[in-house]
Amino acid sequence: MNTGSVILIGIIAIVASAAAVAAGPNNGLAIPAAAVAVGSSAFLLLGVFDRLARSSPAPAALPRTASTRVREALAAGKHGRRELIALLDSLERRGYGLATPVLSSAESEQLLAVSPEEFRRYLDARERELERRT
């Protein structure tokens, strides 16, 4: 709906409302005027909803934060272990420099094969070591 039609329909709604109020007990005039007022107001409301629907952008994807990545990796079980190991390596390199050694591919593969309890112990020990060094 363009601006001109919004103004015109708004004027019609105001005039019809005033006519319905001025008609008082004369139902033959009040009811049609009220119907026109309500109808034009409904058109204005539809125009507002239409404008809102067109102007609101599609919701952007939320950025994946580190905590989101950790939760997703933990929920994935064995499939999320690589992500957890990579996150720990990344944290360690950020804190202690790029020269910090990371797990070799053989060590990573070994960690991927251990039981869930043993992997949790590894995560706990590695986290404690990172916290101790900071």
N, C-alpha and C. Protein backbone atom coordinates (compact mmCIF):
# COMPACT_ATOMS: atom_id res chain seq x y z
N MET A 1 0.85 -1.16 0.00
CA MET A 1 0.00 0.00 0.00
C MET A 1 0.90 1.23 0.00
N ASN A 2 0.67 2.14 -0.93
CA ASN A 2 1.49 3.35 -0.98
C ASN A 2 0.96 4.40 0.00
N THR A 3 1.73 5.45 0.17
CA THR A 3 1.41 6.48 1.16
C THR A 3 0.09 7.19 0.86
N GLY A 4 -0.17 7.46 -0.40
CA GLY A 4 -1.40 8.14 -0.78
C GLY A 4 -2.64 7.35 -0.40
N SER A 5 -2.62 6.05 -0.68
CA SER A 5 -3.79 5.23 -0.34
C SER A 5 -3.95 5.08 1.17
N VAL A 6 -2.85 5.06 1.90
CA VAL A 6 -2.93 4.99 3.36
C VAL A 6 -3.59 6.26 3.90
N ILE A 7 -3.20 7.40 3.38
CA ILE A 7 -3.79 8.67 3.82
C ILE A 7 -5.28 8.71 3.48
N LEU A 8 -5.62 8.31 2.25
CA LEU A 8 -7.02 8.32 1.82
C LEU A 8 -7.87 7.39 2.69
N ILE A 9 -7.42 6.18 2.91
CA ILE A 9 -8.18 5.24 3.72
C ILE A 9 -8.26 5.72 5.17
N GLY A 10 -7.19 6.35 5.67
CA GLY A 10 -7.20 6.90 7.02
C GLY A 10 -8.24 8.00 7.16
N ILE A 11 -8.33 8.87 6.15
CA ILE A 11 -9.33 9.95 6.16
C ILE A 11 -10.74 9.36 6.12
N ILE A 12 -10.92 8.33 5.28
CA ILE A 12 -12.24 7.68 5.20
C ILE A 12 -12.61 7.09 6.56
N ALA A 13 -11.67 6.45 7.22
CA ALA A 13 -11.94 5.84 8.54
C ALA A 13 -12.31 6.91 9.56
N ILE A 14 -11.60 8.02 9.55
CA ILE A 14 -11.88 9.10 10.50
C ILE A 14 -13.24 9.72 10.23
N VAL A 15 -13.55 10.02 8.97
CA VAL A 15 -14.83 10.64 8.61
C VAL A 15 -15.98 9.69 8.93
N ALA A 16 -15.82 8.40 8.60
CA ALA A 16 -16.88 7.43 8.86
C ALA A 16 -17.10 7.26 10.36
N SER A 17 -16.01 7.27 11.12
CA SER A 17 -16.15 7.17 12.59
C SER A 17 -16.88 8.39 13.14
N ALA A 18 -16.52 9.54 12.67
CA ALA A 18 -17.18 10.77 13.12
C ALA A 18 -18.66 10.75 12.74
N ALA A 19 -18.97 10.26 11.54
CA ALA A 19 -20.36 10.19 11.10
C ALA A 19 -21.15 9.21 11.96
N ALA A 20 -20.54 8.08 12.32
CA ALA A 20 -21.23 7.10 13.15
C ALA A 20 -21.50 7.66 14.54
N VAL A 21 -20.58 8.41 15.08
CA VAL A 21 -20.77 9.02 16.40
C VAL A 21 -21.82 10.12 16.30
N ALA A 22 -21.76 10.93 15.26
CA ALA A 22 -22.70 12.05 15.10
C ALA A 22 -24.12 11.55 14.84
N ALA A 23 -24.26 10.35 14.24
CA ALA A 23 -25.58 9.81 13.94
C ALA A 23 -26.35 9.50 15.22
N GLY A 24 -25.62 9.26 16.29
CA GLY A 24 -26.28 9.01 17.57
C GLY A 24 -27.23 7.83 17.51
N PRO A 25 -28.50 8.03 17.91
CA PRO A 25 -29.46 6.92 17.95
C PRO A 25 -30.03 6.56 16.58
N ASN A 26 -29.69 7.28 15.53
CA ASN A 26 -30.20 7.00 14.18
C ASN A 26 -29.44 5.79 13.62
N ASN A 27 -30.00 4.59 13.87
CA ASN A 27 -29.33 3.35 13.44
C ASN A 27 -29.21 3.24 11.93
N GLY A 28 -30.10 3.80 11.19
CA GLY A 28 -30.05 3.75 9.73
C GLY A 28 -28.81 4.43 9.18
N LEU A 29 -28.25 5.38 9.90
CA LEU A 29 -27.05 6.09 9.48
C LEU A 29 -25.81 5.62 10.26
N ALA A 30 -26.00 5.31 11.53
CA ALA A 30 -24.87 4.94 12.39
C ALA A 30 -24.26 3.60 11.99
N ILE A 31 -25.10 2.61 11.70
CA ILE A 31 -24.58 1.27 11.37
C ILE A 31 -23.78 1.27 10.08
N PRO A 32 -24.25 1.84 8.97
CA PRO A 32 -23.42 1.86 7.75
C PRO A 32 -22.13 2.67 7.94
N ALA A 33 -22.21 3.79 8.65
CA ALA A 33 -21.01 4.59 8.88
C ALA A 33 -19.99 3.82 9.73
N ALA A 34 -20.48 3.12 10.74
CA ALA A 34 -19.59 2.31 11.58
C ALA A 34 -18.97 1.17 10.76
N ALA A 35 -19.77 0.57 9.88
CA ALA A 35 -19.25 -0.52 9.04
C ALA A 35 -18.14 -0.01 8.13
N VAL A 36 -18.34 1.16 7.53
CA VAL A 36 -17.30 1.75 6.68
C VAL A 36 -16.06 2.06 7.50
N ALA A 37 -16.24 2.58 8.72
CA ALA A 37 -15.11 2.91 9.59
C ALA A 37 -14.32 1.65 9.95
N VAL A 38 -15.03 0.60 10.33
CA VAL A 38 -14.36 -0.65 10.70
C VAL A 38 -13.67 -1.27 9.48
N GLY A 39 -14.33 -1.27 8.34
CA GLY A 39 -13.74 -1.83 7.12
C GLY A 39 -12.49 -1.09 6.69
N SER A 40 -12.54 0.23 6.70
CA SER A 40 -11.35 0.99 6.29
C SER A 40 -10.22 0.83 7.31
N SER A 41 -10.58 0.71 8.58
CA SER A 41 -9.55 0.47 9.60
C SER A 41 -8.90 -0.90 9.39
N ALA A 42 -9.72 -1.88 8.98
CA ALA A 42 -9.17 -3.21 8.70
C ALA A 42 -8.20 -3.16 7.53
N PHE A 43 -8.53 -2.38 6.49
CA PHE A 43 -7.61 -2.22 5.36
C PHE A 43 -6.29 -1.58 5.81
N LEU A 44 -6.39 -0.59 6.69
CA LEU A 44 -5.17 0.03 7.21
C LEU A 44 -4.33 -0.98 7.99
N LEU A 45 -4.99 -1.80 8.79
CA LEU A 45 -4.28 -2.81 9.56
C LEU A 45 -3.61 -3.84 8.65
N LEU A 46 -4.32 -4.26 7.60
CA LEU A 46 -3.73 -5.18 6.64
C LEU A 46 -2.51 -4.55 5.95
N GLY A 47 -2.62 -3.26 5.66
CA GLY A 47 -1.48 -2.57 5.06
C GLY A 47 -0.27 -2.55 5.99
N VAL A 48 -0.52 -2.36 7.27
CA VAL A 48 0.58 -2.38 8.25
C VAL A 48 1.23 -3.76 8.29
N PHE A 49 0.39 -4.81 8.38
CA PHE A 49 0.94 -6.16 8.42
C PHE A 49 1.72 -6.49 7.14
N ASP A 50 1.19 -6.05 6.00
CA ASP A 50 1.87 -6.28 4.73
C ASP A 50 3.23 -5.59 4.71
N ARG A 51 3.25 -4.36 5.16
CA ARG A 51 4.51 -3.61 5.19
C ARG A 51 5.51 -4.26 6.14
N LEU A 52 5.04 -4.72 7.28
CA LEU A 52 5.93 -5.38 8.24
C LEU A 52 6.48 -6.68 7.67
N ALA A 53 5.63 -7.42 6.98
CA ALA A 53 6.07 -8.70 6.42
C ALA A 53 7.12 -8.50 5.34
N ARG A 54 6.99 -7.44 4.58
CA ARG A 54 7.96 -7.18 3.51
C ARG A 54 9.26 -6.59 4.02
N SER A 55 9.18 -5.82 5.10
CA SER A 55 10.38 -5.11 5.55
C SER A 55 11.23 -5.91 6.52
N SER A 56 10.67 -6.92 7.18
CA SER A 56 11.47 -7.65 8.16
C SER A 56 12.40 -8.63 7.43
N PRO A 57 13.69 -8.51 7.68
CA PRO A 57 14.65 -9.39 7.02
C PRO A 57 14.55 -10.81 7.58
N ALA A 58 15.02 -11.73 6.79
CA ALA A 58 15.07 -13.12 7.27
C ALA A 58 16.02 -13.19 8.45
N PRO A 59 15.69 -13.98 9.44
CA PRO A 59 16.57 -14.06 10.61
C PRO A 59 17.94 -14.60 10.21
N ALA A 60 18.97 -13.93 10.67
CA ALA A 60 20.32 -14.35 10.35
C ALA A 60 20.69 -15.53 11.25
N ALA A 61 21.53 -16.37 10.73
CA ALA A 61 22.00 -17.50 11.52
C ALA A 61 22.85 -16.97 12.67
N LEU A 62 22.63 -17.51 13.83
CA LEU A 62 23.41 -17.10 14.98
C LEU A 62 24.84 -17.59 14.84
N PRO A 63 25.80 -16.78 15.25
CA PRO A 63 27.19 -17.24 15.15
C PRO A 63 27.42 -18.40 16.11
N ARG A 64 28.23 -19.32 15.67
CA ARG A 64 28.56 -20.46 16.53
C ARG A 64 29.64 -20.03 17.49
N THR A 65 29.30 -19.93 18.75
CA THR A 65 30.28 -19.57 19.76
C THR A 65 31.03 -20.82 20.20
N ALA A 66 32.11 -20.62 20.93
CA ALA A 66 32.90 -21.75 21.41
C ALA A 66 32.05 -22.64 22.31
N SER A 67 31.23 -22.03 23.15
CA SER A 67 30.41 -22.85 24.05
C SER A 67 29.39 -23.67 23.27
N THR A 68 28.86 -23.10 22.19
CA THR A 68 27.92 -23.84 21.34
C THR A 68 28.64 -25.01 20.69
N ARG A 69 29.84 -24.77 20.21
CA ARG A 69 30.62 -25.84 19.57
C ARG A 69 30.92 -26.95 20.56
N VAL A 70 31.26 -26.58 21.80
CA VAL A 70 31.56 -27.59 22.82
C VAL A 70 30.32 -28.42 23.12
N ARG A 71 29.17 -27.74 23.32
CA ARG A 71 27.93 -28.47 23.60
C ARG A 71 27.57 -29.43 22.47
N GLU A 72 27.69 -28.94 21.22
CA GLU A 72 27.36 -29.78 20.07
C GLU A 72 28.31 -30.97 19.99
N ALA A 73 29.59 -30.72 20.24
CA ALA A 73 30.58 -31.80 20.18
C ALA A 73 30.33 -32.83 21.28
N LEU A 74 30.01 -32.37 22.47
CA LEU A 74 29.72 -33.31 23.57
C LEU A 74 28.47 -34.13 23.27
N ALA A 75 27.47 -33.47 22.70
CA ALA A 75 26.22 -34.17 22.37
C ALA A 75 26.43 -35.19 21.25
N ALA A 76 27.43 -34.98 20.42
CA ALA A 76 27.68 -35.88 19.29
C ALA A 76 28.40 -37.15 19.69
N GLY A 77 28.83 -37.22 20.94
CA GLY A 77 29.52 -38.43 21.41
C GLY A 77 30.86 -38.62 20.71
N LYS A 78 31.10 -39.85 20.24
CA LYS A 78 32.39 -40.15 19.59
C LYS A 78 32.62 -39.29 18.35
N HIS A 79 31.54 -38.92 17.69
CA HIS A 79 31.67 -38.12 16.47
C HIS A 79 32.13 -36.69 16.77
N GLY A 80 31.98 -36.23 17.99
CA GLY A 80 32.38 -34.88 18.35
C GLY A 80 33.75 -34.78 18.98
N ARG A 81 34.42 -35.91 19.13
CA ARG A 81 35.74 -35.90 19.79
C ARG A 81 36.78 -35.10 19.02
N ARG A 82 36.79 -35.20 17.71
CA ARG A 82 37.77 -34.44 16.92
C ARG A 82 37.62 -32.94 17.17
N GLU A 83 36.37 -32.49 17.22
CA GLU A 83 36.09 -31.07 17.46
C GLU A 83 36.61 -30.66 18.84
N LEU A 84 36.39 -31.49 19.85
CA LEU A 84 36.85 -31.16 21.20
C LEU A 84 38.37 -31.11 21.27
N ILE A 85 39.01 -32.05 20.63
CA ILE A 85 40.48 -32.06 20.62
C ILE A 85 41.00 -30.82 19.90
N ALA A 86 40.39 -30.48 18.78
CA ALA A 86 40.81 -29.29 18.02
C ALA A 86 40.59 -28.02 18.84
N LEU A 87 39.48 -27.94 19.57
CA LEU A 87 39.23 -26.77 20.41
C LEU A 87 40.28 -26.64 21.52
N LEU A 88 40.61 -27.75 22.15
CA LEU A 88 41.64 -27.71 23.20
C LEU A 88 43.00 -27.31 22.62
N ASP A 89 43.34 -27.86 21.45
CA ASP A 89 44.59 -27.47 20.80
C ASP A 89 44.60 -25.98 20.48
N SER A 90 43.47 -25.49 19.98
CA SER A 90 43.37 -24.07 19.64
C SER A 90 43.51 -23.18 20.87
N LEU A 91 42.86 -23.55 21.96
CA LEU A 91 42.99 -22.79 23.21
C LEU A 91 44.43 -22.78 23.70
N GLU A 92 45.07 -23.91 23.60
CA GLU A 92 46.45 -24.01 24.05
C GLU A 92 47.38 -23.15 23.20
N ARG A 93 47.19 -23.17 21.89
CA ARG A 93 48.03 -22.36 21.01
C ARG A 93 47.78 -20.87 21.23
N ARG A 94 46.52 -20.49 21.47
CA ARG A 94 46.23 -19.08 21.73
C ARG A 94 46.88 -18.60 23.02
N GLY A 95 46.88 -19.47 24.00
CA GLY A 95 47.43 -19.07 25.29
C GLY A 95 48.94 -19.15 25.37
N TYR A 96 49.55 -20.07 24.64
CA TYR A 96 50.98 -20.30 24.81
C TYR A 96 51.78 -20.19 23.53
N GLY A 97 51.16 -19.71 22.47
CA GLY A 97 51.88 -19.47 21.23
C GLY A 97 51.73 -20.60 20.23
N LEU A 98 52.05 -20.26 19.00
CA LEU A 98 51.89 -21.24 17.91
C LEU A 98 52.91 -22.36 17.98
N ALA A 99 53.97 -22.17 18.72
CA ALA A 99 55.00 -23.20 18.83
C ALA A 99 54.57 -24.32 19.78
N THR A 100 53.46 -24.18 20.45
CA THR A 100 52.98 -25.20 21.36
C THR A 100 52.67 -26.46 20.56
N PRO A 101 53.21 -27.60 20.97
CA PRO A 101 52.95 -28.83 20.21
C PRO A 101 51.49 -29.27 20.34
N VAL A 102 50.97 -29.80 19.27
CA VAL A 102 49.61 -30.32 19.27
C VAL A 102 49.69 -31.84 19.16
N LEU A 103 48.57 -32.48 19.36
CA LEU A 103 48.55 -33.94 19.28
C LEU A 103 48.86 -34.40 17.86
N SER A 104 49.62 -35.45 17.78
CA SER A 104 49.89 -36.03 16.47
C SER A 104 48.63 -36.75 15.99
N SER A 105 48.60 -37.10 14.72
CA SER A 105 47.42 -37.78 14.19
C SER A 105 47.28 -39.16 14.83
N ALA A 106 48.39 -39.81 15.17
CA ALA A 106 48.32 -41.11 15.83
C ALA A 106 47.73 -40.97 17.23
N GLU A 107 48.14 -39.92 17.94
CA GLU A 107 47.59 -39.69 19.28
C GLU A 107 46.10 -39.36 19.19
N SER A 108 45.74 -38.58 18.20
CA SER A 108 44.33 -38.24 18.01
C SER A 108 43.50 -39.48 17.72
N GLU A 109 43.98 -40.33 16.84
CA GLU A 109 43.27 -41.55 16.50
C GLU A 109 43.12 -42.45 17.72
N GLN A 110 44.16 -42.50 18.55
CA GLN A 110 44.10 -43.30 19.77
C GLN A 110 43.02 -42.76 20.71
N LEU A 111 42.95 -41.43 20.84
CA LEU A 111 41.93 -40.82 21.70
C LEU A 111 40.53 -41.06 21.17
N LEU A 112 40.39 -41.11 19.86
CA LEU A 112 39.08 -41.34 19.27
C LEU A 112 38.58 -42.76 19.56
N ALA A 113 39.49 -43.67 19.85
CA ALA A 113 39.11 -45.07 20.06
C ALA A 113 38.88 -45.43 21.52
N VAL A 114 39.25 -44.57 22.46
CA VAL A 114 39.11 -44.92 23.88
C VAL A 114 37.65 -44.89 24.31
N SER A 115 37.40 -45.43 25.48
CA SER A 115 36.03 -45.46 26.02
C SER A 115 35.59 -44.04 26.38
N PRO A 116 34.28 -43.82 26.49
CA PRO A 116 33.80 -42.49 26.85
C PRO A 116 34.35 -42.00 28.20
N GLU A 117 34.44 -42.89 29.17
CA GLU A 117 34.97 -42.50 30.48
C GLU A 117 36.43 -42.06 30.39
N GLU A 118 37.20 -42.81 29.63
CA GLU A 118 38.62 -42.47 29.47
C GLU A 118 38.78 -41.15 28.72
N PHE A 119 37.93 -40.92 27.73
CA PHE A 119 38.00 -39.66 26.98
C PHE A 119 37.62 -38.48 27.89
N ARG A 120 36.61 -38.68 28.75
CA ARG A 120 36.25 -37.62 29.70
C ARG A 120 37.39 -37.33 30.66
N ARG A 121 38.10 -38.37 31.09
CA ARG A 121 39.26 -38.14 31.97
C ARG A 121 40.34 -37.35 31.23
N TYR A 122 40.55 -37.66 29.95
CA TYR A 122 41.51 -36.90 29.15
C TYR A 122 41.10 -35.43 29.06
N LEU A 123 39.81 -35.18 28.76
CA LEU A 123 39.32 -33.81 28.66
C LEU A 123 39.50 -33.07 29.99
N ASP A 124 39.17 -33.75 31.08
CA ASP A 124 39.27 -33.14 32.40
C ASP A 124 40.73 -32.80 32.72
N ALA A 125 41.63 -33.73 32.44
CA ALA A 125 43.05 -33.49 32.72
C ALA A 125 43.60 -32.35 31.86
N ARG A 126 43.22 -32.34 30.61
CA ARG A 126 43.72 -31.30 29.70
C ARG A 126 43.16 -29.92 30.09
N GLU A 127 41.89 -29.88 30.50
CA GLU A 127 41.29 -28.62 30.94
C GLU A 127 41.97 -28.13 32.21
N ARG A 128 42.21 -29.05 33.15
CA ARG A 128 42.89 -28.64 34.40
C ARG A 128 44.28 -28.10 34.11
N GLU A 129 44.98 -28.73 33.17
CA GLU A 129 46.32 -28.27 32.82
C GLU A 129 46.26 -26.86 32.19
N LEU A 130 45.30 -26.62 31.33
CA LEU A 130 45.14 -25.30 30.73
C LEU A 130 44.82 -24.25 31.80
N GLU A 131 43.93 -24.58 32.72
CA GLU A 131 43.58 -23.66 33.79
C GLU A 131 44.77 -23.41 34.72
N ARG A 132 45.53 -24.44 34.99
CA ARG A 132 46.69 -24.29 35.87
C ARG A 132 47.73 -23.35 35.25
N ARG A 133 47.87 -23.43 33.94
CA ARG A 133 48.90 -22.63 33.27
C ARG A 133 48.47 -21.18 33.05
N THR A 134 47.17 -20.88 33.25
CA THR A 134 46.74 -19.49 33.03
C THR A 134 46.75 -18.68 34.30
